[in-house]
Amino acid sequence: MSKLAICMADGVEEIEGLTVVDLLRRADIEIDMISTQNRGRAMGSHKIQFETDINLREADLKSYDGIVLPGGMRGTENLLNNVTIINTIQNFFEQGKLCAAICAAPTVLGKAGILRGKKAICYPGMEDKLLGAEVTLEPVVVDGNIITSRGLGTAIPFALAIITYIKGQDEADRIAEKIVYKA
């Protein structure tokens, strides 16, 4: 069974983070919400506070099969400035582990230097920070072990793409049907 780390920094876009957690858990994919501020909680971009499963300093990052970064402008800034997150992304990419990000957060993948020669997308207007990427306009882009998405409105297809990557299209279709989602 795959185990994913979803890194929740203060300023996270709540829908982008919690939609992924909800849908992946429905698909029986183990996911830990990790507080990058090490307080056992995260404050969302719209002042919705929620508990996380574990703090970054306590997490054994090597035990995860992938990392997921939700966006939100302030949340993304906090991720961009977190050396542990950047190093983890680089290590995961080199090991062929999943690196997924939505909205502004794909810029963190760009800073980590893993997008060179890869197709990727992010929130409109931030494409220049996808360093070395071939930027597309699709809602969700999968290129090898990298999954990127445009923003809050693409949170469900982003989560379904992660499910497809981990468990296959049939499971993603089952979850989509269960939540009455039509692409």
N, C-alpha and C. Protein backbone atom coordinates (compact mmCIF):
# COMPACT_ATOMS: atom_id res chain seq x y z
N MET A 1 0.85 -1.19 0.00
CA MET A 1 0.00 0.00 0.00
C MET A 1 0.88 1.24 0.00
N SER A 2 0.52 2.22 -0.81
CA SER A 2 1.26 3.47 -0.88
C SER A 2 0.89 4.39 0.28
N LYS A 3 1.85 5.17 0.69
CA LYS A 3 1.66 6.14 1.77
C LYS A 3 2.18 7.49 1.27
N LEU A 4 1.32 8.50 1.32
CA LEU A 4 1.68 9.82 0.81
C LEU A 4 1.73 10.85 1.93
N ALA A 5 2.59 11.84 1.75
CA ALA A 5 2.70 12.98 2.66
C ALA A 5 2.07 14.18 1.99
N ILE A 6 1.08 14.79 2.64
CA ILE A 6 0.52 16.04 2.12
C ILE A 6 0.95 17.14 3.08
N CYS A 7 1.71 18.07 2.56
CA CYS A 7 2.35 19.09 3.40
C CYS A 7 1.48 20.32 3.50
N MET A 8 0.99 20.57 4.71
CA MET A 8 0.07 21.68 4.98
C MET A 8 0.83 22.82 5.66
N ALA A 9 1.10 23.86 4.90
CA ALA A 9 1.75 25.05 5.44
C ALA A 9 0.67 26.09 5.75
N ASP A 10 0.91 26.92 6.74
CA ASP A 10 -0.03 28.00 7.01
C ASP A 10 -0.24 28.80 5.73
N GLY A 11 -1.50 29.12 5.45
CA GLY A 11 -1.85 29.81 4.21
C GLY A 11 -2.28 28.87 3.11
N VAL A 12 -2.37 27.57 3.43
CA VAL A 12 -2.80 26.57 2.46
C VAL A 12 -4.22 26.87 1.99
N GLU A 13 -4.47 26.63 0.71
CA GLU A 13 -5.83 26.72 0.19
C GLU A 13 -6.56 25.47 0.69
N GLU A 14 -7.53 25.68 1.55
CA GLU A 14 -8.18 24.57 2.25
C GLU A 14 -8.76 23.52 1.31
N ILE A 15 -9.48 23.95 0.29
CA ILE A 15 -10.14 23.02 -0.62
C ILE A 15 -9.12 22.15 -1.35
N GLU A 16 -8.01 22.75 -1.77
CA GLU A 16 -6.98 21.99 -2.50
C GLU A 16 -6.35 20.92 -1.61
N GLY A 17 -6.15 21.23 -0.36
CA GLY A 17 -5.56 20.26 0.55
C GLY A 17 -6.54 19.20 1.00
N LEU A 18 -7.67 19.63 1.50
CA LEU A 18 -8.61 18.69 2.12
C LEU A 18 -9.36 17.84 1.10
N THR A 19 -9.58 18.34 -0.10
CA THR A 19 -10.20 17.53 -1.15
C THR A 19 -9.32 16.33 -1.47
N VAL A 20 -8.02 16.58 -1.59
CA VAL A 20 -7.08 15.49 -1.88
C VAL A 20 -7.09 14.48 -0.75
N VAL A 21 -7.00 14.95 0.48
CA VAL A 21 -7.00 14.04 1.64
C VAL A 21 -8.29 13.20 1.63
N ASP A 22 -9.42 13.85 1.46
CA ASP A 22 -10.71 13.15 1.49
C ASP A 22 -10.79 12.07 0.41
N LEU A 23 -10.50 12.44 -0.82
CA LEU A 23 -10.67 11.48 -1.92
C LEU A 23 -9.65 10.35 -1.86
N LEU A 24 -8.42 10.65 -1.48
CA LEU A 24 -7.43 9.58 -1.37
C LEU A 24 -7.78 8.62 -0.24
N ARG A 25 -8.28 9.13 0.85
CA ARG A 25 -8.69 8.24 1.94
C ARG A 25 -9.90 7.41 1.53
N ARG A 26 -10.80 7.95 0.73
CA ARG A 26 -11.92 7.16 0.21
C ARG A 26 -11.41 5.99 -0.65
N ALA A 27 -10.26 6.22 -1.30
CA ALA A 27 -9.66 5.19 -2.16
C ALA A 27 -8.72 4.28 -1.36
N ASP A 28 -8.75 4.41 -0.04
CA ASP A 28 -7.90 3.61 0.85
C ASP A 28 -6.41 3.79 0.57
N ILE A 29 -6.05 5.02 0.23
CA ILE A 29 -4.64 5.38 0.11
C ILE A 29 -4.25 6.07 1.41
N GLU A 30 -3.23 5.57 2.04
CA GLU A 30 -2.79 6.15 3.31
C GLU A 30 -2.13 7.50 3.04
N ILE A 31 -2.59 8.52 3.75
CA ILE A 31 -2.05 9.86 3.57
C ILE A 31 -1.95 10.53 4.93
N ASP A 32 -0.80 11.13 5.20
CA ASP A 32 -0.62 11.90 6.42
C ASP A 32 -0.62 13.37 6.08
N MET A 33 -1.45 14.14 6.79
CA MET A 33 -1.38 15.59 6.70
C MET A 33 -0.26 16.03 7.63
N ILE A 34 0.73 16.69 7.05
CA ILE A 34 1.92 17.08 7.81
C ILE A 34 1.94 18.59 8.00
N SER A 35 2.03 19.02 9.26
CA SER A 35 2.15 20.44 9.57
C SER A 35 3.59 20.88 9.35
N THR A 36 3.79 21.75 8.37
CA THR A 36 5.15 22.23 8.12
C THR A 36 5.58 23.26 9.16
N GLN A 37 4.62 23.81 9.90
CA GLN A 37 4.94 24.75 10.97
C GLN A 37 5.15 24.03 12.30
N ASN A 38 4.98 22.71 12.31
CA ASN A 38 5.25 21.89 13.49
C ASN A 38 4.40 22.26 14.70
N ARG A 39 3.13 22.55 14.45
CA ARG A 39 2.21 22.91 15.54
C ARG A 39 1.03 21.94 15.65
N GLY A 40 1.01 20.91 14.82
CA GLY A 40 -0.10 19.97 14.86
C GLY A 40 -1.37 20.51 14.22
N ARG A 41 -1.25 21.60 13.51
CA ARG A 41 -2.40 22.20 12.84
C ARG A 41 -1.90 23.12 11.72
N ALA A 42 -2.84 23.51 10.89
CA ALA A 42 -2.54 24.47 9.82
C ALA A 42 -3.67 25.49 9.77
N MET A 43 -3.32 26.71 9.48
CA MET A 43 -4.30 27.78 9.30
C MET A 43 -4.44 28.02 7.80
N GLY A 44 -5.64 27.78 7.30
CA GLY A 44 -5.89 27.93 5.88
C GLY A 44 -5.90 29.37 5.43
N SER A 45 -5.88 29.56 4.13
CA SER A 45 -5.86 30.90 3.53
C SER A 45 -7.13 31.68 3.81
N HIS A 46 -8.21 30.97 4.18
CA HIS A 46 -9.47 31.63 4.50
C HIS A 46 -9.80 31.50 5.98
N LYS A 47 -8.75 31.39 6.79
CA LYS A 47 -8.83 31.37 8.25
C LYS A 47 -9.58 30.17 8.80
N ILE A 48 -9.58 29.07 8.05
CA ILE A 48 -10.12 27.82 8.56
C ILE A 48 -8.95 27.03 9.11
N GLN A 49 -8.98 26.77 10.39
CA GLN A 49 -7.89 26.03 11.03
C GLN A 49 -8.28 24.56 11.13
N PHE A 50 -7.33 23.68 10.87
CA PHE A 50 -7.60 22.26 10.99
C PHE A 50 -6.39 21.53 11.54
N GLU A 51 -6.65 20.41 12.19
CA GLU A 51 -5.58 19.60 12.77
C GLU A 51 -4.89 18.80 11.67
N THR A 52 -3.61 18.55 11.89
CA THR A 52 -2.85 17.70 10.99
C THR A 52 -2.52 16.39 11.73
N ASP A 53 -2.01 15.43 10.99
CA ASP A 53 -1.72 14.12 11.59
C ASP A 53 -0.37 14.08 12.30
N ILE A 54 0.59 14.85 11.79
CA ILE A 54 1.95 14.78 12.31
C ILE A 54 2.68 16.08 11.97
N ASN A 55 3.71 16.40 12.72
CA ASN A 55 4.55 17.56 12.45
C ASN A 55 5.70 17.16 11.55
N LEU A 56 6.17 18.09 10.73
CA LEU A 56 7.26 17.82 9.80
C LEU A 56 8.50 17.29 10.50
N ARG A 57 8.87 17.89 11.62
CA ARG A 57 10.11 17.47 12.30
C ARG A 57 10.01 16.06 12.87
N GLU A 58 8.77 15.54 13.04
CA GLU A 58 8.56 14.20 13.58
C GLU A 58 8.35 13.16 12.48
N ALA A 59 8.10 13.59 11.27
CA ALA A 59 7.77 12.68 10.17
C ALA A 59 9.02 12.01 9.63
N ASP A 60 8.91 10.71 9.39
CA ASP A 60 9.98 9.97 8.73
C ASP A 60 9.71 10.05 7.23
N LEU A 61 10.19 11.10 6.62
CA LEU A 61 9.85 11.38 5.22
C LEU A 61 10.28 10.25 4.28
N LYS A 62 11.32 9.52 4.62
CA LYS A 62 11.78 8.42 3.78
C LYS A 62 10.74 7.29 3.69
N SER A 63 9.80 7.26 4.64
CA SER A 63 8.81 6.18 4.65
C SER A 63 7.64 6.44 3.70
N TYR A 64 7.60 7.61 3.08
CA TYR A 64 6.50 7.95 2.18
C TYR A 64 6.85 7.60 0.73
N ASP A 65 5.80 7.31 -0.04
CA ASP A 65 5.95 6.97 -1.45
C ASP A 65 5.70 8.17 -2.36
N GLY A 66 5.37 9.30 -1.76
CA GLY A 66 5.12 10.49 -2.55
C GLY A 66 4.81 11.68 -1.66
N ILE A 67 4.86 12.85 -2.28
CA ILE A 67 4.58 14.10 -1.59
C ILE A 67 3.54 14.87 -2.40
N VAL A 68 2.60 15.49 -1.70
CA VAL A 68 1.55 16.29 -2.33
C VAL A 68 1.59 17.68 -1.71
N LEU A 69 1.61 18.70 -2.56
CA LEU A 69 1.67 20.09 -2.10
C LEU A 69 0.43 20.84 -2.56
N PRO A 70 -0.47 21.18 -1.64
CA PRO A 70 -1.58 22.06 -2.00
C PRO A 70 -1.07 23.51 -2.09
N GLY A 71 -1.81 24.33 -2.83
CA GLY A 71 -1.40 25.70 -3.03
C GLY A 71 -1.94 26.66 -1.98
N GLY A 72 -2.31 27.84 -2.47
CA GLY A 72 -2.58 28.98 -1.61
C GLY A 72 -1.33 29.83 -1.64
N MET A 73 -1.47 31.11 -1.89
CA MET A 73 -0.28 31.95 -2.07
C MET A 73 0.64 31.94 -0.85
N ARG A 74 0.10 32.21 0.33
CA ARG A 74 0.94 32.24 1.53
C ARG A 74 1.46 30.84 1.86
N GLY A 75 0.62 29.84 1.66
CA GLY A 75 1.05 28.47 1.89
C GLY A 75 2.20 28.09 0.98
N THR A 76 2.11 28.48 -0.28
CA THR A 76 3.17 28.19 -1.24
C THR A 76 4.46 28.92 -0.85
N GLU A 77 4.35 30.17 -0.43
CA GLU A 77 5.54 30.90 0.03
C GLU A 77 6.21 30.16 1.18
N ASN A 78 5.40 29.66 2.11
CA ASN A 78 5.96 28.91 3.24
C ASN A 78 6.65 27.63 2.77
N LEU A 79 6.09 26.96 1.77
CA LEU A 79 6.72 25.76 1.23
C LEU A 79 8.00 26.09 0.48
N LEU A 80 7.98 27.18 -0.28
CA LEU A 80 9.17 27.61 -1.04
C LEU A 80 10.36 27.89 -0.13
N ASN A 81 10.08 28.35 1.09
CA ASN A 81 11.13 28.72 2.02
C ASN A 81 11.51 27.60 2.97
N ASN A 82 11.00 26.40 2.74
CA ASN A 82 11.25 25.28 3.64
C ASN A 82 12.27 24.34 3.00
N VAL A 83 13.49 24.36 3.50
CA VAL A 83 14.59 23.57 2.95
C VAL A 83 14.28 22.07 3.00
N THR A 84 13.63 21.62 4.06
CA THR A 84 13.28 20.20 4.18
C THR A 84 12.35 19.78 3.06
N ILE A 85 11.37 20.61 2.74
CA ILE A 85 10.43 20.31 1.65
C ILE A 85 11.16 20.26 0.31
N ILE A 86 12.00 21.25 0.03
CA ILE A 86 12.74 21.29 -1.23
C ILE A 86 13.62 20.05 -1.37
N ASN A 87 14.36 19.72 -0.31
CA ASN A 87 15.23 18.53 -0.35
C ASN A 87 14.43 17.25 -0.53
N THR A 88 13.28 17.16 0.12
CA THR A 88 12.43 15.97 0.00
C THR A 88 11.93 15.81 -1.43
N ILE A 89 11.51 16.90 -2.04
CA ILE A 89 11.05 16.85 -3.44
C ILE A 89 12.18 16.35 -4.34
N GLN A 90 13.36 16.88 -4.17
CA GLN A 90 14.50 16.46 -5.00
C GLN A 90 14.79 14.98 -4.82
N ASN A 91 14.81 14.54 -3.56
CA ASN A 91 15.08 13.12 -3.28
C ASN A 91 13.99 12.22 -3.84
N PHE A 92 12.73 12.60 -3.64
CA PHE A 92 11.61 11.79 -4.14
C PHE A 92 11.67 11.69 -5.66
N PHE A 93 11.92 12.80 -6.32
CA PHE A 93 11.99 12.78 -7.78
C PHE A 93 13.08 11.83 -8.26
N GLU A 94 14.24 11.93 -7.65
CA GLU A 94 15.37 11.07 -8.03
C GLU A 94 15.06 9.59 -7.79
N GLN A 95 14.24 9.30 -6.78
CA GLN A 95 13.89 7.92 -6.45
C GLN A 95 12.66 7.43 -7.22
N GLY A 96 12.10 8.29 -8.06
CA GLY A 96 10.93 7.91 -8.84
C GLY A 96 9.64 7.93 -8.04
N LYS A 97 9.65 8.60 -6.90
CA LYS A 97 8.45 8.72 -6.08
C LYS A 97 7.59 9.86 -6.59
N LEU A 98 6.30 9.80 -6.28
CA LEU A 98 5.34 10.81 -6.74
C LEU A 98 5.64 12.18 -6.16
N CYS A 99 5.61 13.20 -7.03
CA CYS A 99 5.71 14.60 -6.64
C CYS A 99 4.52 15.31 -7.28
N ALA A 100 3.54 15.71 -6.45
CA ALA A 100 2.31 16.31 -6.96
C ALA A 100 2.08 17.67 -6.32
N ALA A 101 1.58 18.62 -7.10
CA ALA A 101 1.34 19.97 -6.59
C ALA A 101 0.23 20.63 -7.39
N ILE A 102 -0.53 21.48 -6.71
CA ILE A 102 -1.68 22.15 -7.33
C ILE A 102 -1.61 23.66 -7.07
N CYS A 103 -2.16 24.42 -8.00
CA CYS A 103 -2.33 25.87 -7.92
C CYS A 103 -0.97 26.57 -7.99
N ALA A 104 -0.58 27.30 -6.96
CA ALA A 104 0.72 27.97 -6.94
C ALA A 104 1.84 27.02 -6.56
N ALA A 105 1.51 25.91 -5.91
CA ALA A 105 2.52 24.99 -5.38
C ALA A 105 3.41 24.31 -6.43
N PRO A 106 3.00 24.14 -7.69
CA PRO A 106 3.96 23.61 -8.67
C PRO A 106 5.22 24.47 -8.79
N THR A 107 5.14 25.75 -8.37
CA THR A 107 6.34 26.59 -8.39
C THR A 107 7.40 26.07 -7.41
N VAL A 108 6.95 25.35 -6.38
CA VAL A 108 7.90 24.73 -5.44
C VAL A 108 8.65 23.61 -6.15
N LEU A 109 7.95 22.86 -7.00
CA LEU A 109 8.61 21.84 -7.80
C LEU A 109 9.61 22.49 -8.74
N GLY A 110 9.24 23.66 -9.28
CA GLY A 110 10.16 24.41 -10.14
C GLY A 110 11.41 24.82 -9.39
N LYS A 111 11.24 25.35 -8.19
CA LYS A 111 12.39 25.76 -7.38
C LYS A 111 13.27 24.55 -7.05
N ALA A 112 12.66 23.39 -6.85
CA ALA A 112 13.43 22.18 -6.54
C ALA A 112 14.19 21.67 -7.76
N GLY A 113 13.89 22.22 -8.94
CA GLY A 113 14.63 21.87 -10.14
C GLY A 113 14.23 20.56 -10.81
N ILE A 114 13.00 20.10 -10.53
CA ILE A 114 12.61 18.80 -11.08
C ILE A 114 11.72 18.90 -12.32
N LEU A 115 11.42 20.10 -12.78
CA LEU A 115 10.50 20.25 -13.91
C LEU A 115 11.18 20.39 -15.26
N ARG A 116 12.49 20.44 -15.28
CA ARG A 116 13.21 20.60 -16.55
C ARG A 116 12.84 19.49 -17.53
N GLY A 117 12.29 19.92 -18.69
CA GLY A 117 11.92 18.96 -19.72
C GLY A 117 10.62 18.22 -19.45
N LYS A 118 9.91 18.59 -18.41
CA LYS A 118 8.64 17.94 -18.05
C LYS A 118 7.47 18.85 -18.40
N LYS A 119 6.33 18.25 -18.71
CA LYS A 119 5.11 19.02 -18.90
C LYS A 119 4.55 19.34 -17.51
N ALA A 120 4.06 20.57 -17.34
CA ALA A 120 3.52 20.98 -16.04
C ALA A 120 2.58 22.17 -16.24
N ILE A 121 1.81 22.43 -15.21
CA ILE A 121 0.87 23.55 -15.19
C ILE A 121 0.79 24.08 -13.76
N CYS A 122 0.31 25.31 -13.63
CA CYS A 122 0.12 25.92 -12.32
C CYS A 122 -0.96 27.00 -12.43
N TYR A 123 -1.13 27.73 -11.36
CA TYR A 123 -2.09 28.84 -11.34
C TYR A 123 -1.71 29.84 -12.43
N PRO A 124 -2.70 30.33 -13.19
CA PRO A 124 -2.41 31.27 -14.28
C PRO A 124 -1.61 32.49 -13.81
N GLY A 125 -0.59 32.82 -14.58
CA GLY A 125 0.25 33.98 -14.30
C GLY A 125 1.54 33.63 -13.56
N MET A 126 1.68 32.37 -13.15
CA MET A 126 2.88 31.97 -12.41
C MET A 126 3.75 31.01 -13.21
N GLU A 127 3.42 30.83 -14.46
CA GLU A 127 4.09 29.83 -15.29
C GLU A 127 5.60 30.03 -15.39
N ASP A 128 6.06 31.28 -15.29
CA ASP A 128 7.50 31.54 -15.41
C ASP A 128 8.30 30.95 -14.25
N LYS A 129 7.62 30.53 -13.20
CA LYS A 129 8.29 29.92 -12.04
C LYS A 129 8.34 28.39 -12.14
N LEU A 130 7.82 27.85 -13.24
CA LEU A 130 7.91 26.41 -13.49
C LEU A 130 9.21 26.15 -14.25
N LEU A 131 10.31 26.46 -13.64
CA LEU A 131 11.61 26.50 -14.27
C LEU A 131 11.93 25.27 -15.11
N GLY A 132 12.06 25.52 -16.42
CA GLY A 132 12.44 24.47 -17.36
C GLY A 132 11.30 23.61 -17.86
N ALA A 133 10.08 23.86 -17.40
CA ALA A 133 8.94 23.02 -17.78
C ALA A 133 8.38 23.41 -19.14
N GLU A 134 7.75 22.44 -19.78
CA GLU A 134 6.93 22.70 -20.96
C GLU A 134 5.53 22.95 -20.42
N VAL A 135 5.12 24.20 -20.41
CA VAL A 135 3.85 24.59 -19.80
C VAL A 135 2.70 24.28 -20.74
N THR A 136 1.66 23.63 -20.20
CA THR A 136 0.47 23.31 -20.96
C THR A 136 -0.71 24.06 -20.34
N LEU A 137 -1.89 23.91 -20.92
CA LEU A 137 -3.07 24.59 -20.39
C LEU A 137 -4.13 23.62 -19.89
N GLU A 138 -3.77 22.37 -19.74
CA GLU A 138 -4.73 21.38 -19.25
C GLU A 138 -5.01 21.61 -17.76
N PRO A 139 -6.17 21.16 -17.27
CA PRO A 139 -6.47 21.31 -15.85
C PRO A 139 -5.52 20.51 -14.96
N VAL A 140 -5.12 19.33 -15.41
CA VAL A 140 -4.20 18.46 -14.68
C VAL A 140 -3.21 17.89 -15.68
N VAL A 141 -1.93 17.87 -15.29
CA VAL A 141 -0.90 17.34 -16.17
C VAL A 141 -0.14 16.24 -15.42
N VAL A 142 -0.02 15.09 -16.06
CA VAL A 142 0.77 13.99 -15.51
C VAL A 142 1.94 13.75 -16.46
N ASP A 143 3.15 13.84 -15.93
CA ASP A 143 4.35 13.56 -16.71
C ASP A 143 5.28 12.71 -15.84
N GLY A 144 5.26 11.41 -16.09
CA GLY A 144 6.05 10.50 -15.26
C GLY A 144 5.56 10.51 -13.83
N ASN A 145 6.46 10.79 -12.90
CA ASN A 145 6.08 10.80 -11.48
C ASN A 145 5.72 12.20 -10.98
N ILE A 146 5.42 13.11 -11.91
CA ILE A 146 5.02 14.48 -11.55
C ILE A 146 3.58 14.71 -11.98
N ILE A 147 2.77 15.20 -11.04
CA ILE A 147 1.38 15.58 -11.33
C ILE A 147 1.22 17.03 -10.88
N THR A 148 0.75 17.88 -11.80
CA THR A 148 0.49 19.28 -11.47
C THR A 148 -0.92 19.65 -11.90
N SER A 149 -1.45 20.70 -11.27
CA SER A 149 -2.82 21.12 -11.56
C SER A 149 -2.94 22.62 -11.36
N ARG A 150 -4.00 23.22 -11.94
CA ARG A 150 -4.11 24.68 -12.05
C ARG A 150 -4.64 25.41 -10.83
N GLY A 151 -5.57 24.84 -10.07
CA GLY A 151 -6.11 25.60 -8.95
C GLY A 151 -7.31 24.95 -8.31
N LEU A 152 -7.94 25.66 -7.41
CA LEU A 152 -9.05 25.15 -6.62
C LEU A 152 -10.10 24.43 -7.46
N GLY A 153 -10.44 24.99 -8.59
CA GLY A 153 -11.46 24.38 -9.46
C GLY A 153 -11.05 23.06 -10.06
N THR A 154 -9.77 22.72 -9.95
CA THR A 154 -9.28 21.45 -10.49
C THR A 154 -8.90 20.47 -9.38
N ALA A 155 -9.31 20.75 -8.15
CA ALA A 155 -8.92 19.90 -7.02
C ALA A 155 -9.43 18.46 -7.15
N ILE A 156 -10.67 18.28 -7.63
CA ILE A 156 -11.19 16.92 -7.77
C ILE A 156 -10.45 16.16 -8.87
N PRO A 157 -10.30 16.70 -10.09
CA PRO A 157 -9.54 15.95 -11.08
C PRO A 157 -8.08 15.73 -10.68
N PHE A 158 -7.50 16.65 -9.92
CA PHE A 158 -6.14 16.48 -9.41
C PHE A 158 -6.08 15.27 -8.48
N ALA A 159 -7.01 15.20 -7.54
CA ALA A 159 -7.05 14.06 -6.61
C ALA A 159 -7.29 12.76 -7.38
N LEU A 160 -8.18 12.80 -8.36
CA LEU A 160 -8.44 11.59 -9.16
C LEU A 160 -7.22 11.16 -9.96
N ALA A 161 -6.42 12.12 -10.42
CA ALA A 161 -5.18 11.78 -11.14
C ALA A 161 -4.19 11.09 -10.20
N ILE A 162 -4.15 11.53 -8.95
CA ILE A 162 -3.27 10.88 -7.98
C ILE A 162 -3.77 9.46 -7.71
N ILE A 163 -5.08 9.30 -7.58
CA ILE A 163 -5.65 7.96 -7.37
C ILE A 163 -5.31 7.06 -8.57
N THR A 164 -5.46 7.58 -9.77
CA THR A 164 -5.12 6.81 -10.98
C THR A 164 -3.65 6.40 -10.94
N TYR A 165 -2.79 7.32 -10.57
CA TYR A 165 -1.35 7.05 -10.52
C TYR A 165 -1.04 5.92 -9.51
N ILE A 166 -1.70 5.96 -8.36
CA ILE A 166 -1.41 4.99 -7.29
C ILE A 166 -2.16 3.67 -7.50
N LYS A 167 -3.46 3.75 -7.84
CA LYS A 167 -4.30 2.54 -7.83
C LYS A 167 -4.93 2.19 -9.17
N GLY A 168 -4.76 3.03 -10.17
CA GLY A 168 -5.30 2.73 -11.48
C GLY A 168 -6.60 3.45 -11.80
N GLN A 169 -6.93 3.46 -13.08
CA GLN A 169 -8.10 4.19 -13.59
C GLN A 169 -9.41 3.64 -13.03
N ASP A 170 -9.52 2.33 -12.87
CA ASP A 170 -10.77 1.76 -12.35
C ASP A 170 -11.11 2.31 -10.97
N GLU A 171 -10.10 2.43 -10.10
CA GLU A 171 -10.34 2.97 -8.76
C GLU A 171 -10.71 4.45 -8.83
N ALA A 172 -10.05 5.20 -9.67
CA ALA A 172 -10.39 6.62 -9.83
C ALA A 172 -11.82 6.76 -10.35
N ASP A 173 -12.21 5.92 -11.30
CA ASP A 173 -13.58 5.95 -11.83
C ASP A 173 -14.59 5.59 -10.74
N ARG A 174 -14.25 4.61 -9.90
CA ARG A 174 -15.13 4.21 -8.81
C ARG A 174 -15.35 5.37 -7.83
N ILE A 175 -14.28 6.07 -7.48
CA ILE A 175 -14.39 7.20 -6.56
C ILE A 175 -15.18 8.34 -7.22
N ALA A 176 -14.90 8.63 -8.49
CA ALA A 176 -15.62 9.68 -9.20
C ALA A 176 -17.12 9.39 -9.21
N GLU A 177 -17.48 8.14 -9.47
CA GLU A 177 -18.89 7.77 -9.48
C GLU A 177 -19.49 7.90 -8.08
N LYS A 178 -18.76 7.49 -7.09
CA LYS A 178 -19.22 7.52 -5.69
C LYS A 178 -19.53 8.96 -5.24
N ILE A 179 -18.73 9.92 -5.71
CA ILE A 179 -18.96 11.33 -5.31
C ILE A 179 -19.80 12.10 -6.33
N VAL A 180 -20.32 11.39 -7.34
CA VAL A 180 -21.15 11.96 -8.39
C VAL A 180 -20.39 13.06 -9.14
N TYR A 181 -19.17 12.74 -9.49
CA TYR A 181 -18.32 13.69 -10.24
C TYR A 181 -18.34 13.30 -11.72
N LYS A 182 -18.58 14.28 -12.54
CA LYS A 182 -18.54 14.11 -13.99
C LYS A 182 -17.56 15.12 -14.56
N ALA A 183 -16.53 14.63 -15.23
CA ALA A 183 -15.52 15.52 -15.82
C ALA A 183 -16.08 16.24 -17.03
